[in-house]
Amino acid sequence: MLNANRFKVAYAAMGTIDGVQTFDKEVQPLGMAVAFILMCEAYGVAAPDVFTAAGNIIVHTETKDASPEIRAVKQYIQEELANG
């Protein structure tokens, strides 16, 4: 997980967003959270560990060596979902 390809992570994130964006805004994060918890249980990984790894990827979006794909996911959420 720590060596996950950021390009693939960004595309997985966009696929997830695409799957929930037609639902009400209050349902979107809850649906993603339920899927997240159930996936962690199924794969035998600790949710806090996944949050830490994801947080590290997100933090790197603020650096000059950031993945443009992750930056694009963040921008899409801020501009299209939150304000859409």
N, C-alpha and C. Protein backbone atom coordinates (compact mmCIF):
# COMPACT_ATOMS: atom_id res chain seq x y z
N MET A 1 0.82 -1.19 0.00
CA MET A 1 0.00 0.00 0.00
C MET A 1 0.87 1.26 0.00
N LEU A 2 1.97 1.21 0.71
CA LEU A 2 2.84 2.39 0.77
C LEU A 2 3.49 2.68 -0.57
N ASN A 3 3.63 1.67 -1.39
CA ASN A 3 4.26 1.85 -2.70
C ASN A 3 3.24 1.88 -3.83
N ALA A 4 2.01 2.17 -3.50
CA ALA A 4 0.95 2.18 -4.51
C ALA A 4 1.23 3.23 -5.57
N ASN A 5 0.94 2.89 -6.79
CA ASN A 5 1.10 3.79 -7.91
C ASN A 5 0.07 4.92 -7.81
N ARG A 6 0.52 6.14 -7.70
CA ARG A 6 -0.38 7.28 -7.51
C ARG A 6 -1.30 7.49 -8.70
N PHE A 7 -0.83 7.16 -9.88
CA PHE A 7 -1.65 7.26 -11.08
C PHE A 7 -2.85 6.32 -10.96
N LYS A 8 -2.60 5.08 -10.55
CA LYS A 8 -3.68 4.11 -10.38
C LYS A 8 -4.60 4.49 -9.23
N VAL A 9 -4.02 5.02 -8.16
CA VAL A 9 -4.83 5.47 -7.02
C VAL A 9 -5.77 6.59 -7.45
N ALA A 10 -5.27 7.53 -8.23
CA ALA A 10 -6.10 8.64 -8.70
C ALA A 10 -7.24 8.13 -9.57
N TYR A 11 -6.95 7.18 -10.45
CA TYR A 11 -8.00 6.66 -11.31
C TYR A 11 -9.03 5.84 -10.52
N ALA A 12 -8.57 5.14 -9.50
CA ALA A 12 -9.51 4.42 -8.64
C ALA A 12 -10.40 5.42 -7.88
N ALA A 13 -9.80 6.51 -7.43
CA ALA A 13 -10.58 7.54 -6.74
C ALA A 13 -11.62 8.15 -7.67
N MET A 14 -11.23 8.45 -8.89
CA MET A 14 -12.19 9.03 -9.84
C MET A 14 -13.29 8.04 -10.19
N GLY A 15 -12.95 6.77 -10.29
CA GLY A 15 -13.96 5.75 -10.55
C GLY A 15 -14.96 5.65 -9.42
N THR A 16 -14.46 5.78 -8.20
CA THR A 16 -15.32 5.75 -7.02
C THR A 16 -16.24 6.97 -7.02
N ILE A 17 -15.67 8.13 -7.27
CA ILE A 17 -16.46 9.37 -7.32
C ILE A 17 -17.52 9.27 -8.41
N ASP A 18 -17.12 8.76 -9.55
CA ASP A 18 -18.06 8.61 -10.66
C ASP A 18 -19.23 7.71 -10.28
N GLY A 19 -18.95 6.70 -9.49
CA GLY A 19 -19.99 5.76 -9.07
C GLY A 19 -21.00 6.33 -8.09
N VAL A 20 -20.63 7.35 -7.35
CA VAL A 20 -21.54 7.89 -6.33
C VAL A 20 -22.08 9.28 -6.63
N GLN A 21 -21.55 9.94 -7.62
CA GLN A 21 -21.89 11.36 -7.81
C GLN A 21 -23.32 11.63 -8.21
N THR A 22 -24.06 10.61 -8.63
CA THR A 22 -25.47 10.83 -8.98
C THR A 22 -26.38 10.77 -7.75
N PHE A 23 -25.83 10.35 -6.61
CA PHE A 23 -26.61 10.29 -5.38
C PHE A 23 -26.56 11.64 -4.67
N ASP A 24 -27.48 11.85 -3.72
CA ASP A 24 -27.49 13.08 -2.93
C ASP A 24 -26.15 13.26 -2.23
N LYS A 25 -25.77 14.52 -2.05
CA LYS A 25 -24.46 14.84 -1.46
C LYS A 25 -24.25 14.21 -0.09
N GLU A 26 -25.32 14.12 0.72
CA GLU A 26 -25.15 13.53 2.05
C GLU A 26 -24.99 12.01 1.98
N VAL A 27 -25.42 11.40 0.88
CA VAL A 27 -25.31 9.95 0.72
C VAL A 27 -23.94 9.56 0.15
N GLN A 28 -23.35 10.42 -0.65
CA GLN A 28 -22.09 10.10 -1.32
C GLN A 28 -20.98 9.69 -0.35
N PRO A 29 -20.60 10.52 0.62
CA PRO A 29 -19.51 10.11 1.51
C PRO A 29 -19.88 8.92 2.39
N LEU A 30 -21.15 8.81 2.76
CA LEU A 30 -21.57 7.69 3.59
C LEU A 30 -21.47 6.38 2.81
N GLY A 31 -21.91 6.39 1.57
CA GLY A 31 -21.80 5.20 0.74
C GLY A 31 -20.35 4.79 0.53
N MET A 32 -19.48 5.78 0.30
CA MET A 32 -18.06 5.49 0.13
C MET A 32 -17.46 4.95 1.43
N ALA A 33 -17.89 5.49 2.56
CA ALA A 33 -17.38 5.04 3.85
C ALA A 33 -17.78 3.60 4.15
N VAL A 34 -19.03 3.28 3.85
CA VAL A 34 -19.49 1.90 4.07
C VAL A 34 -18.66 0.94 3.21
N ALA A 35 -18.49 1.27 1.95
CA ALA A 35 -17.69 0.42 1.06
C ALA A 35 -16.25 0.32 1.57
N PHE A 36 -15.70 1.43 2.03
CA PHE A 36 -14.32 1.46 2.55
C PHE A 36 -14.16 0.52 3.74
N ILE A 37 -15.06 0.63 4.70
CA ILE A 37 -14.96 -0.21 5.90
C ILE A 37 -15.10 -1.68 5.54
N LEU A 38 -16.07 -2.00 4.69
CA LEU A 38 -16.27 -3.39 4.30
C LEU A 38 -15.09 -3.94 3.50
N MET A 39 -14.48 -3.10 2.67
CA MET A 39 -13.30 -3.55 1.92
C MET A 39 -12.12 -3.79 2.85
N CYS A 40 -11.92 -2.91 3.80
CA CYS A 40 -10.83 -3.10 4.77
C CYS A 40 -11.01 -4.41 5.52
N GLU A 41 -12.24 -4.67 5.95
CA GLU A 41 -12.53 -5.93 6.64
C GLU A 41 -12.26 -7.13 5.74
N ALA A 42 -12.71 -7.07 4.50
CA ALA A 42 -12.55 -8.18 3.57
C ALA A 42 -11.08 -8.44 3.23
N TYR A 43 -10.29 -7.36 3.13
CA TYR A 43 -8.88 -7.49 2.77
C TYR A 43 -7.97 -7.66 3.98
N GLY A 44 -8.55 -7.54 5.18
CA GLY A 44 -7.76 -7.72 6.39
C GLY A 44 -6.75 -6.61 6.64
N VAL A 45 -7.11 -5.39 6.25
CA VAL A 45 -6.23 -4.25 6.51
C VAL A 45 -6.91 -3.32 7.51
N ALA A 46 -6.12 -2.65 8.31
CA ALA A 46 -6.65 -1.73 9.31
C ALA A 46 -7.00 -0.40 8.65
N ALA A 47 -8.23 0.05 8.86
CA ALA A 47 -8.68 1.31 8.26
C ALA A 47 -7.75 2.48 8.60
N PRO A 48 -7.27 2.61 9.85
CA PRO A 48 -6.36 3.73 10.14
C PRO A 48 -5.08 3.69 9.31
N ASP A 49 -4.60 2.49 9.00
CA ASP A 49 -3.40 2.39 8.16
C ASP A 49 -3.67 2.89 6.75
N VAL A 50 -4.85 2.58 6.24
CA VAL A 50 -5.22 3.04 4.90
C VAL A 50 -5.38 4.56 4.91
N PHE A 51 -6.00 5.10 5.95
CA PHE A 51 -6.13 6.55 6.07
C PHE A 51 -4.77 7.23 6.12
N THR A 52 -3.83 6.64 6.83
CA THR A 52 -2.48 7.21 6.91
C THR A 52 -1.82 7.23 5.54
N ALA A 53 -1.90 6.11 4.83
CA ALA A 53 -1.29 6.03 3.50
C ALA A 53 -1.95 7.02 2.55
N ALA A 54 -3.28 7.10 2.59
CA ALA A 54 -4.00 8.04 1.73
C ALA A 54 -3.65 9.48 2.08
N GLY A 55 -3.57 9.76 3.36
CA GLY A 55 -3.19 11.11 3.80
C GLY A 55 -1.82 11.50 3.31
N ASN A 56 -0.89 10.55 3.32
CA ASN A 56 0.46 10.83 2.82
C ASN A 56 0.44 11.15 1.33
N ILE A 57 -0.38 10.43 0.59
CA ILE A 57 -0.50 10.72 -0.84
C ILE A 57 -1.08 12.10 -1.06
N ILE A 58 -2.11 12.45 -0.29
CA ILE A 58 -2.74 13.75 -0.43
C ILE A 58 -1.79 14.87 -0.06
N VAL A 59 -1.02 14.70 1.01
CA VAL A 59 -0.06 15.72 1.43
C VAL A 59 0.93 16.02 0.31
N HIS A 60 1.30 15.00 -0.42
CA HIS A 60 2.25 15.19 -1.51
C HIS A 60 1.66 16.01 -2.66
N THR A 61 0.34 16.23 -2.68
CA THR A 61 -0.24 17.06 -3.73
C THR A 61 0.16 18.52 -3.55
N GLU A 62 0.63 18.85 -2.36
CA GLU A 62 1.03 20.22 -2.08
C GLU A 62 2.50 20.48 -2.41
N THR A 63 3.23 19.44 -2.79
CA THR A 63 4.65 19.60 -3.10
C THR A 63 4.85 19.68 -4.60
N LYS A 64 6.02 20.13 -4.98
CA LYS A 64 6.28 20.30 -6.41
C LYS A 64 6.45 18.97 -7.14
N ASP A 65 6.70 17.86 -6.42
CA ASP A 65 6.81 16.55 -7.06
C ASP A 65 5.48 15.80 -7.03
N ALA A 66 4.42 16.54 -6.83
CA ALA A 66 3.10 15.94 -6.67
C ALA A 66 2.61 15.28 -7.96
N SER A 67 1.79 14.30 -7.77
CA SER A 67 1.14 13.63 -8.89
C SER A 67 0.05 14.55 -9.43
N PRO A 68 0.11 14.89 -10.71
CA PRO A 68 -0.95 15.75 -11.26
C PRO A 68 -2.32 15.06 -11.23
N GLU A 69 -2.33 13.74 -11.26
CA GLU A 69 -3.59 13.02 -11.22
C GLU A 69 -4.29 13.18 -9.87
N ILE A 70 -3.53 13.10 -8.78
CA ILE A 70 -4.11 13.29 -7.45
C ILE A 70 -4.59 14.73 -7.31
N ARG A 71 -3.80 15.65 -7.81
CA ARG A 71 -4.18 17.06 -7.78
C ARG A 71 -5.49 17.27 -8.55
N ALA A 72 -5.66 16.57 -9.66
CA ALA A 72 -6.87 16.68 -10.46
C ALA A 72 -8.09 16.13 -9.71
N VAL A 73 -7.91 15.05 -8.97
CA VAL A 73 -9.00 14.49 -8.17
C VAL A 73 -9.44 15.52 -7.13
N LYS A 74 -8.48 16.11 -6.46
CA LYS A 74 -8.79 17.12 -5.44
C LYS A 74 -9.53 18.30 -6.06
N GLN A 75 -9.07 18.76 -7.20
CA GLN A 75 -9.70 19.89 -7.88
C GLN A 75 -11.11 19.54 -8.33
N TYR A 76 -11.29 18.33 -8.84
CA TYR A 76 -12.62 17.91 -9.29
C TYR A 76 -13.61 17.90 -8.13
N ILE A 77 -13.19 17.37 -7.00
CA ILE A 77 -14.07 17.33 -5.83
C ILE A 77 -14.41 18.75 -5.38
N GLN A 78 -13.41 19.61 -5.31
CA GLN A 78 -13.65 20.98 -4.83
C GLN A 78 -14.53 21.79 -5.79
N GLU A 79 -14.30 21.63 -7.08
CA GLU A 79 -15.00 22.50 -8.04
C GLU A 79 -16.28 21.89 -8.60
N GLU A 80 -16.31 20.61 -8.80
CA GLU A 80 -17.49 20.00 -9.43
C GLU A 80 -18.49 19.43 -8.42
N LEU A 81 -17.99 18.75 -7.42
CA LEU A 81 -18.90 18.14 -6.45
C LEU A 81 -19.36 19.11 -5.39
N ALA A 82 -18.40 19.75 -4.74
CA ALA A 82 -18.73 20.62 -3.61
C ALA A 82 -19.54 21.84 -4.06
N ASN A 83 -19.25 22.34 -5.24
CA ASN A 83 -19.93 23.54 -5.73
C ASN A 83 -20.97 23.23 -6.79
N GLY A 84 -21.04 21.95 -7.21
CA GLY A 84 -21.93 21.57 -8.30
C GLY A 84 -23.32 21.52 -7.89
